[in-house]
């Protein structure tokens, strides 16, 4: 079996049939090694690093219990046998810290949550929670402690909520297990302690107009990139959805593309962001043209529609797409908005052409029109001169001949 040092007291060991992660630390003057039967995934390595950090902290505080961390360890058994022969005065039970509760909660989350959600919570814990609260006795955490900490944050409310979620769940776990008598979050109202400007979201739909769409597509020097972004503009699919799209989900005969999953954090999921996210999208002229051109490049009935043109392999995530997009938009000399705005462009253009809001909601994967009316309401009454309307119709007219009169004509 080979071993690879991954830093932070972690060794990655690989055998012929299995992988383990070994945690290394000093205890009672001896170098200890304990193995976890976990494959070398990013989330497992992050978990092992946090565990090693908790062990080191517990050793430094004098609260480390070998058997608690590694109940089946030979070293733990030997220590128990040694201690059983020594008469010692009774010792006060080790204090449970916020870090202990966080680690326990993340263990649960690792098994129960989607990989993307777990990775997000783990990163939040490593960045914000362990450094601030890891050594704090859980029973001493007060609402005032949390309020002062939160009020010192400069982030928006949505970001603060994300930071608080794993901590809130960890504290709730402590209450359920009797570590805390009261939950300090119960009397904490985020809306009452954050300034109005901080509570406001910076998000807004900022779609591209037809001139910008044409310029961006013209700035694509790689045909595969142009196909992908043309498809994004004319389907409203999220980047995580269109990089998971398989050719078997493209139904030319039915004039539809099926959203049957998403690719998030290196994992292909057969679920969507929302329950209504798995949907059929009506095929439009721009999407049909993009797929026909892409089929000539990567046509494989069992494969993915959109591949990384530099490697010919699956996109690892939406991050390299963002970098390509940034380069293309800069070359096009168009005001920068992130690639997710292609989705908002799709919705606003359908509304401008006269599509019914409930229909647009179904194409976007929303359960009702609430999000559509709140986000895109101003685009419903936006006017189009005849030239711009015809250019939009060239992209957004449905390929299904039965829907050829989908958009009503407005008097000019």
Protein backbone atom coordinates (compact mmCIF):
# COMPACT_ATOMS: atom_id res chain seq x y z
CA UNK A 1 0.00 0.00 0.00
CA UNK A 2 1.34 3.42 -0.97
CA UNK A 3 0.95 6.59 1.03
CA UNK A 4 0.80 10.20 -0.04
CA UNK A 5 1.11 13.08 2.41
CA UNK A 6 -1.76 15.51 1.86
CA UNK A 7 -0.61 18.00 4.50
CA UNK A 8 -2.31 19.05 7.75
CA UNK A 9 -1.56 15.71 9.40
CA UNK A 10 -3.26 13.71 6.67
CA UNK A 11 -1.86 10.81 4.62
CA UNK A 12 -3.68 9.36 1.61
CA UNK A 13 -3.13 5.62 1.34
CA UNK A 14 -4.05 3.59 -1.72
CA UNK A 15 -4.12 -0.17 -1.94
CA UNK A 16 -4.95 -2.57 -4.73
CA UNK A 17 -8.67 -2.55 -3.94
CA UNK A 18 -9.33 0.23 -1.48
CA UNK A 19 -8.34 3.70 -0.33
CA UNK A 20 -7.95 5.03 3.19
CA UNK A 21 -7.16 8.38 4.76
CA UNK A 22 -4.76 8.24 7.69
CA UNK A 23 -4.77 10.87 10.43
CA UNK A 24 -1.41 11.56 12.09
CA UNK A 25 -0.94 13.34 15.45
CA UNK A 26 1.25 13.44 18.58
CA UNK A 27 -0.28 12.16 21.83
CA UNK A 28 1.49 11.53 25.14
CA UNK A 29 4.87 11.86 23.44
CA UNK A 30 4.06 9.30 20.76
CA UNK A 31 3.27 9.62 17.06
CA UNK A 32 -0.18 8.15 16.47
CA UNK A 33 -1.73 7.07 13.18
CA UNK A 34 -5.38 6.18 12.70
CA UNK A 35 -6.97 5.21 9.39
CA UNK A 36 -10.42 6.10 8.04
CA UNK A 37 -11.90 3.78 5.42
CA UNK A 38 -12.84 6.59 3.07
CA UNK A 39 -12.09 7.11 -0.64
CA UNK A 40 -9.94 10.10 -1.59
CA UNK A 41 -12.75 12.50 -2.50
CA UNK A 42 -12.49 16.23 -1.91
CA UNK A 43 -15.21 16.17 0.77
CA UNK A 44 -13.68 13.17 2.59
CA UNK A 45 -10.24 14.79 2.68
CA UNK A 46 -11.77 18.02 4.02
CA UNK A 47 -13.60 16.00 6.69
CA UNK A 48 -10.37 14.23 7.71
CA UNK A 49 -8.54 17.56 8.00
CA UNK A 50 -11.24 18.97 10.26
CA UNK A 51 -11.17 15.83 12.39
CA UNK A 52 -7.38 16.05 12.74
CA UNK A 53 -7.73 19.69 13.77
CA UNK A 54 -10.32 18.80 16.40
CA UNK A 55 -8.01 16.10 17.77
CA UNK A 56 -5.07 18.49 18.04
CA UNK A 57 -7.25 21.12 19.74
CA UNK A 58 -8.60 18.58 22.22
CA UNK A 59 -5.09 17.37 23.03
CA UNK A 60 -3.95 20.95 23.64
CA UNK A 61 -6.91 21.57 25.97
CA UNK A 62 -6.38 18.30 27.81
CA UNK A 63 -9.85 17.00 26.88
CA UNK A 64 -8.84 14.42 24.27
CA UNK A 65 -10.49 11.01 24.70
CA UNK A 66 -8.85 8.54 22.32
CA UNK A 67 -11.72 6.05 22.49
CA UNK A 68 -14.28 8.74 21.71
CA UNK A 69 -12.60 9.56 18.42
CA UNK A 70 -11.42 6.03 17.56
CA UNK A 71 -13.45 3.49 19.56
CA UNK A 72 -12.15 0.48 17.61
CA UNK A 73 -8.48 1.52 17.72
CA UNK A 74 -5.86 -0.83 19.14
CA UNK A 75 -4.14 2.16 20.71
CA UNK A 76 -7.38 3.18 22.42
CA UNK A 77 -7.74 -0.34 23.85
CA UNK A 78 -4.18 -0.33 25.18
CA UNK A 79 -4.72 3.08 26.80
CA UNK A 80 -7.89 1.79 28.50
CA UNK A 81 -6.01 -1.21 29.82
CA UNK A 82 -3.22 1.01 31.17
CA UNK A 83 -5.67 3.39 32.81
CA UNK A 84 -7.60 0.55 34.45
CA UNK A 85 -4.48 -0.36 36.46
CA UNK A 86 -3.97 3.20 37.72
CA UNK A 87 -6.09 4.69 40.47
CA UNK A 88 -6.84 8.29 39.61
CA UNK A 89 -9.14 10.83 41.21
CA UNK A 90 -12.44 11.38 39.41
CA UNK A 91 -12.13 13.81 36.51
CA UNK A 92 -14.71 16.33 35.44
CA UNK A 93 -16.42 15.41 32.20
CA UNK A 94 -14.92 17.08 29.16
CA UNK A 95 -16.69 20.25 28.08
CA UNK A 96 -18.55 20.05 24.79
CA UNK A 97 -17.49 22.88 22.52
CA UNK A 98 -19.27 24.47 19.59
CA UNK A 99 -16.56 22.84 17.46
CA UNK A 100 -17.61 19.41 18.76
CA UNK A 101 -21.22 20.07 17.79
CA UNK A 102 -20.21 21.39 14.37
CA UNK A 103 -18.15 18.30 13.71
CA UNK A 104 -21.04 16.06 14.78
CA UNK A 105 -23.47 17.95 12.56
CA UNK A 106 -21.14 17.82 9.55
CA UNK A 107 -20.82 14.06 10.05
CA UNK A 108 -24.60 13.81 9.77
CA UNK A 109 -24.73 16.22 6.83
CA UNK A 110 -22.04 14.22 5.01
CA UNK A 111 -24.42 11.26 4.86
CA UNK A 112 -27.74 13.06 4.43
CA UNK A 113 -27.16 16.06 2.15
CA UNK A 114 -26.32 16.43 -1.51
CA UNK A 115 -22.57 16.63 -2.14
CA UNK A 116 -22.84 20.27 -3.26
CA UNK A 117 -24.73 21.28 -0.09
CA UNK A 118 -22.34 19.40 2.18
CA UNK A 119 -19.28 20.91 0.50
CA UNK A 120 -20.79 24.38 0.89
CA UNK A 121 -21.46 23.89 4.62
CA UNK A 122 -18.03 22.36 5.17
CA UNK A 123 -16.34 25.32 3.50
CA UNK A 124 -18.40 27.77 5.55
CA UNK A 125 -17.47 25.92 8.74
CA UNK A 126 -13.77 25.90 7.91
CA UNK A 127 -13.71 29.58 6.89
CA UNK A 128 -16.06 31.22 9.37
CA UNK A 129 -17.25 28.94 12.16
CA UNK A 130 -14.35 26.82 13.46
CA UNK A 131 -11.94 29.79 13.71
CA UNK A 132 -14.52 31.89 15.58
CA UNK A 133 -16.44 29.39 17.69
CA UNK A 134 -14.53 26.10 17.59
CA UNK A 135 -13.12 26.33 21.13
CA UNK A 136 -16.15 28.03 22.68
CA UNK A 137 -17.97 25.89 25.31
CA UNK A 138 -21.35 25.29 23.71
CA UNK A 139 -23.26 25.89 26.95
CA UNK A 140 -21.72 29.38 27.21
CA UNK A 141 -22.82 30.56 23.75
CA UNK A 142 -25.38 33.37 24.14
CA UNK A 143 -27.71 35.27 21.88
CA UNK A 144 -25.64 38.40 22.57
CA UNK A 145 -22.48 36.62 21.35
CA UNK A 146 -24.21 35.79 18.09
CA UNK A 147 -25.77 39.25 17.70
CA UNK A 148 -22.46 41.10 18.16
CA UNK A 149 -20.73 38.75 15.71
CA UNK A 150 -23.45 39.05 13.07
CA UNK A 151 -23.65 42.84 13.32
CA UNK A 152 -19.90 43.02 12.64
CA UNK A 153 -20.35 41.20 9.31
CA UNK A 154 -20.36 43.26 6.13
CA UNK A 155 -22.00 40.58 3.96
CA UNK A 156 -25.55 40.66 2.63
CA UNK A 157 -28.37 38.93 4.48
CA UNK A 158 -28.42 35.95 2.11
CA UNK A 159 -24.71 35.28 2.68
CA UNK A 160 -25.09 35.65 6.44
CA UNK A 161 -27.97 33.17 6.39
CA UNK A 162 -25.71 30.70 4.56
CA UNK A 163 -22.97 31.14 7.17
CA UNK A 164 -25.42 30.69 10.02
CA UNK A 165 -27.18 27.59 8.69
CA UNK A 166 -24.60 24.93 9.70
CA UNK A 167 -24.04 26.69 13.05
CA UNK A 168 -27.78 26.88 13.69
CA UNK A 169 -28.15 23.16 12.90
CA UNK A 170 -25.19 22.26 15.12
CA UNK A 171 -26.63 24.23 18.06
CA UNK A 172 -30.02 22.61 17.55
CA UNK A 173 -28.28 19.24 17.69
CA UNK A 174 -26.73 20.29 21.01
CA UNK A 175 -30.15 21.25 22.40
CA UNK A 176 -31.63 17.92 21.36
CA UNK A 177 -28.76 16.06 23.05
CA UNK A 178 -29.05 18.07 26.26
CA UNK A 179 -25.74 19.91 25.90
CA UNK A 180 -27.57 23.28 25.91
CA UNK A 181 -30.63 24.10 27.96
CA UNK A 182 -31.78 26.86 25.60
CA UNK A 183 -31.11 27.63 21.95
CA UNK A 184 -29.51 31.09 21.58
CA UNK A 185 -30.90 31.30 18.05
CA UNK A 186 -34.52 31.21 19.29
CA UNK A 187 -34.56 34.88 20.27
CA UNK A 188 -32.35 36.07 17.40
CA UNK A 189 -34.18 37.88 14.60
CA UNK A 190 -31.83 38.63 11.71
CA UNK A 191 -34.22 41.10 10.13
CA UNK A 192 -34.15 43.29 13.24
CA UNK A 193 -30.39 43.55 13.68
CA UNK A 194 -29.19 44.15 10.10
CA UNK A 195 -29.41 47.57 8.43
CA UNK A 196 -31.90 47.83 5.57
CA UNK A 197 -29.13 48.24 2.97
CA UNK A 198 -27.50 45.04 4.20
CA UNK A 199 -30.77 43.11 4.04
CA UNK A 200 -31.37 44.17 0.44
CA UNK A 201 -30.23 41.77 -2.24
CA UNK A 202 -27.94 42.94 -5.02
CA UNK A 203 -29.53 40.50 -7.45
CA UNK A 204 -31.39 41.83 -10.44
CA UNK A 205 -32.26 40.46 -13.82
CA UNK A 206 -29.99 42.21 -16.31
CA UNK A 207 -30.66 40.51 -19.66
CA UNK A 208 -28.79 41.02 -22.90
CA UNK A 209 -30.58 42.69 -25.79
CA UNK A 210 -30.57 41.28 -29.32
CA UNK A 211 -27.65 43.49 -30.39
CA UNK A 212 -25.55 42.21 -27.48
CA UNK A 213 -26.53 38.60 -28.16
CA UNK A 214 -25.43 38.87 -31.79
CA UNK A 215 -22.16 40.57 -30.80
CA UNK A 216 -21.33 37.97 -28.15
CA UNK A 217 -22.03 35.06 -30.49
CA UNK A 218 -19.93 36.75 -33.16
CA UNK A 219 -17.01 37.03 -30.73
CA UNK A 220 -16.94 33.25 -30.16
CA UNK A 221 -13.90 31.94 -32.00
CA UNK A 222 -14.61 28.30 -31.12
CA UNK A 223 -17.71 26.76 -32.79
CA UNK A 224 -18.47 24.57 -29.77
CA UNK A 225 -18.47 27.58 -27.45
CA UNK A 226 -20.78 29.48 -29.78
CA UNK A 227 -23.16 26.51 -29.94
CA UNK A 228 -23.28 26.24 -26.16
CA UNK A 229 -23.96 29.93 -25.52
CA UNK A 230 -26.52 30.17 -28.33
CA UNK A 231 -28.26 27.18 -26.74
CA UNK A 232 -28.14 28.87 -23.32
CA UNK A 233 -29.67 32.08 -24.70
CA UNK A 234 -32.55 30.20 -26.35
CA UNK A 235 -33.48 27.59 -23.72
CA UNK A 236 -33.03 29.36 -20.38
CA UNK A 237 -31.22 26.33 -18.98
CA UNK A 238 -28.83 26.80 -16.07
CA UNK A 239 -25.13 26.08 -16.74
CA UNK A 240 -25.32 23.09 -14.39
CA UNK A 241 -28.20 21.75 -16.51
CA UNK A 242 -26.82 22.19 -20.00
CA UNK A 243 -23.39 20.71 -19.14
CA UNK A 244 -25.28 17.59 -17.95
CA UNK A 245 -27.45 17.39 -21.09
CA UNK A 246 -27.26 14.04 -22.92
CA UNK A 247 -28.10 13.55 -26.58
CA UNK A 248 -30.82 11.08 -25.60
CA UNK A 249 -32.61 14.02 -23.91
CA UNK A 250 -32.70 15.97 -27.19
CA UNK A 251 -35.95 15.06 -28.94
CA UNK A 252 -35.88 16.61 -32.38
CA UNK A 253 -39.01 14.70 -33.46
CA UNK A 254 -40.98 16.13 -30.52
CA UNK A 255 -39.39 19.58 -30.80
CA UNK A 256 -38.30 19.46 -27.15
CA UNK A 257 -35.24 19.20 -24.91
CA UNK A 258 -35.67 17.39 -21.60
CA UNK A 259 -33.95 18.64 -18.43
CA UNK A 260 -33.30 15.38 -16.57
CA UNK A 261 -30.55 16.36 -14.13
CA UNK A 262 -27.65 18.66 -13.36
CA UNK A 263 -23.88 18.45 -12.88
CA UNK A 264 -22.87 20.11 -9.59
CA UNK A 265 -19.53 19.94 -7.75
CA UNK A 266 -18.28 17.05 -9.85
CA UNK A 267 -21.44 15.00 -9.33
CA UNK A 268 -24.11 14.15 -11.91
CA UNK A 269 -27.50 14.37 -10.20
CA UNK A 270 -30.83 13.12 -11.53
CA UNK A 271 -32.58 15.77 -9.46
CA UNK A 272 -33.08 19.49 -10.06
CA UNK A 273 -32.67 22.66 -8.01
CA UNK A 274 -36.45 22.75 -7.49
CA UNK A 275 -39.12 19.99 -7.75
CA UNK A 276 -40.41 21.53 -10.98
CA UNK A 277 -36.90 21.83 -12.42
CA UNK A 278 -37.11 18.53 -14.28
CA UNK A 279 -39.01 19.72 -17.33
CA UNK A 280 -39.41 19.68 -21.09
CA UNK A 281 -38.33 22.85 -22.89
CA UNK A 282 -39.87 23.64 -26.26
CA UNK A 283 -37.23 23.81 -28.96
CA UNK A 284 -36.71 27.17 -30.61
CA UNK A 285 -34.90 28.11 -33.79
CA UNK A 286 -31.71 29.23 -32.05
CA UNK A 287 -31.53 26.08 -29.91
CA UNK A 288 -32.18 23.85 -32.93
CA UNK A 289 -29.41 25.56 -34.90
CA UNK A 290 -27.00 25.21 -31.97
CA UNK A 291 -27.80 21.50 -31.53
CA UNK A 292 -27.53 20.73 -35.23
CA UNK A 293 -24.10 22.38 -35.38
CA UNK A 294 -23.02 20.67 -32.16
CA UNK A 295 -24.17 17.28 -33.41
CA UNK A 296 -21.75 17.60 -36.30
CA UNK A 297 -18.93 18.11 -33.77
CA UNK A 298 -19.85 15.74 -30.94
CA UNK A 299 -22.78 13.68 -32.16
CA UNK A 300 -22.97 10.60 -29.91
CA UNK A 301 -26.38 9.25 -28.93
CA UNK A 302 -24.97 7.93 -25.65
CA UNK A 303 -22.83 10.96 -24.83
CA UNK A 304 -23.00 14.51 -23.57
CA UNK A 305 -24.10 17.32 -25.87
CA UNK A 306 -21.64 19.95 -24.64
CA UNK A 307 -18.03 19.04 -23.95
CA UNK A 308 -15.01 21.16 -23.07
CA UNK A 309 -13.65 21.93 -26.55
CA UNK A 310 -10.08 22.12 -25.26
CA UNK A 311 -10.11 18.61 -23.79
CA UNK A 312 -12.99 16.91 -25.60
CA UNK A 313 -14.17 15.74 -22.17
CA UNK A 314 -16.96 16.61 -19.76
CA UNK A 315 -16.96 20.07 -18.25
CA UNK A 316 -15.66 19.70 -14.67
CA UNK A 317 -17.94 22.50 -13.42
CA UNK A 318 -19.32 25.86 -14.48
CA UNK A 319 -16.14 27.68 -13.37
CA UNK A 320 -14.18 27.12 -16.64
CA UNK A 321 -17.32 28.15 -18.53
CA UNK A 322 -17.33 31.42 -16.57
CA UNK A 323 -13.70 32.06 -17.61
CA UNK A 324 -14.49 31.42 -21.30
CA UNK A 325 -17.57 33.60 -21.08
CA UNK A 326 -15.62 36.46 -19.49
CA UNK A 327 -13.04 36.33 -22.26
CA UNK A 328 -15.70 36.30 -24.99
CA UNK A 329 -17.75 39.16 -23.53
CA UNK A 330 -14.60 41.24 -23.16
CA UNK A 331 -13.68 40.58 -26.80
CA UNK A 332 -17.21 41.54 -27.82
CA UNK A 333 -16.89 44.83 -25.86
CA UNK A 334 -20.24 44.18 -24.23
CA UNK A 335 -20.94 45.28 -20.66
CA UNK A 336 -20.14 42.28 -18.49
CA UNK A 337 -22.85 40.21 -16.83
CA UNK A 338 -22.31 36.66 -15.67
CA UNK A 339 -23.36 33.71 -17.87
CA UNK A 340 -26.39 33.03 -15.66
CA UNK A 341 -27.93 36.13 -17.24
CA UNK A 342 -28.46 34.09 -20.41
CA UNK A 343 -31.29 32.44 -18.45
CA UNK A 344 -32.82 35.82 -17.61
CA UNK A 345 -32.39 36.87 -21.24
CA UNK A 346 -34.46 33.87 -22.35
CA UNK A 347 -37.31 34.72 -19.97
CA UNK A 348 -37.40 38.44 -20.72
CA UNK A 349 -37.32 37.89 -24.48
CA UNK A 350 -40.25 35.45 -24.37
CA UNK A 351 -42.23 37.96 -22.33
CA UNK A 352 -41.38 40.83 -24.68
CA UNK A 353 -42.56 38.76 -27.62
CA UNK A 354 -45.88 38.15 -25.85
CA UNK A 355 -45.57 34.75 -24.18
CA UNK A 356 -47.94 34.02 -21.29
CA UNK A 357 -46.15 34.32 -17.89
CA UNK A 358 -47.38 30.90 -16.69
CA UNK A 359 -45.91 29.31 -19.82
CA UNK A 360 -42.59 31.11 -19.29
CA UNK A 361 -42.57 29.85 -15.69
CA UNK A 362 -42.99 26.26 -16.89
CA UNK A 363 -40.13 26.64 -19.37
CA UNK A 364 -37.88 28.06 -16.63
CA UNK A 365 -38.76 25.30 -14.16
CA UNK A 366 -40.79 27.47 -11.75
CA UNK A 367 -43.90 26.08 -10.07
CA UNK A 368 -45.90 29.30 -10.55
CA UNK A 369 -45.60 32.85 -11.89
CA UNK A 370 -44.49 34.48 -8.61
CA UNK A 371 -40.81 34.57 -9.55
CA UNK A 372 -41.60 35.53 -13.14
CA UNK A 373 -43.75 38.52 -12.22
CA UNK A 374 -41.40 39.73 -9.48
CA UNK A 375 -38.23 39.40 -11.56
CA UNK A 376 -39.33 40.08 -15.12
CA UNK A 377 -42.57 42.04 -14.75
CA UNK A 378 -41.20 45.18 -16.39
CA UNK A 379 -40.31 43.25 -19.53
CA UNK A 380 -43.89 42.17 -20.22
CA UNK A 381 -44.88 45.61 -21.53
CA UNK A 382 -41.58 46.49 -23.17
CA UNK A 383 -41.98 47.53 -26.78
CA UNK A 384 -40.06 46.27 -29.81
CA UNK A 385 -39.70 47.94 -33.15
CA UNK A 386 -40.36 45.66 -36.10
CA UNK A 387 -36.70 45.14 -36.94
CA UNK A 388 -35.75 43.99 -33.46
CA UNK A 389 -38.83 41.83 -33.19
CA UNK A 390 -37.94 39.97 -36.39
CA UNK A 391 -34.39 39.40 -35.18
CA UNK A 392 -35.68 37.97 -31.90
CA UNK A 393 -38.16 35.77 -33.72
CA UNK A 394 -35.28 34.34 -35.75
CA UNK A 395 -33.91 32.98 -32.47
CA UNK A 396 -37.05 32.30 -30.43
CA UNK A 397 -39.64 31.05 -32.91
CA UNK A 398 -40.57 27.46 -32.11
CA UNK A 399 -39.53 24.73 -34.50
CA UNK A 400 -42.85 22.95 -33.93
CA UNK A 401 -45.07 24.05 -36.84
CA UNK A 402 -48.14 23.72 -34.64
CA UNK A 403 -46.82 26.56 -32.49
CA UNK A 404 -45.87 28.86 -35.33
CA UNK A 405 -48.32 31.55 -34.17
CA UNK A 406 -47.27 31.41 -30.54
CA UNK A 407 -46.49 35.11 -30.17
CA UNK A 408 -49.26 37.66 -30.76
CA UNK A 409 -48.65 40.71 -32.91
CA UNK A 410 -48.82 44.08 -31.17
CA UNK A 411 -49.92 47.23 -32.92
CA UNK A 412 -47.05 49.57 -33.61
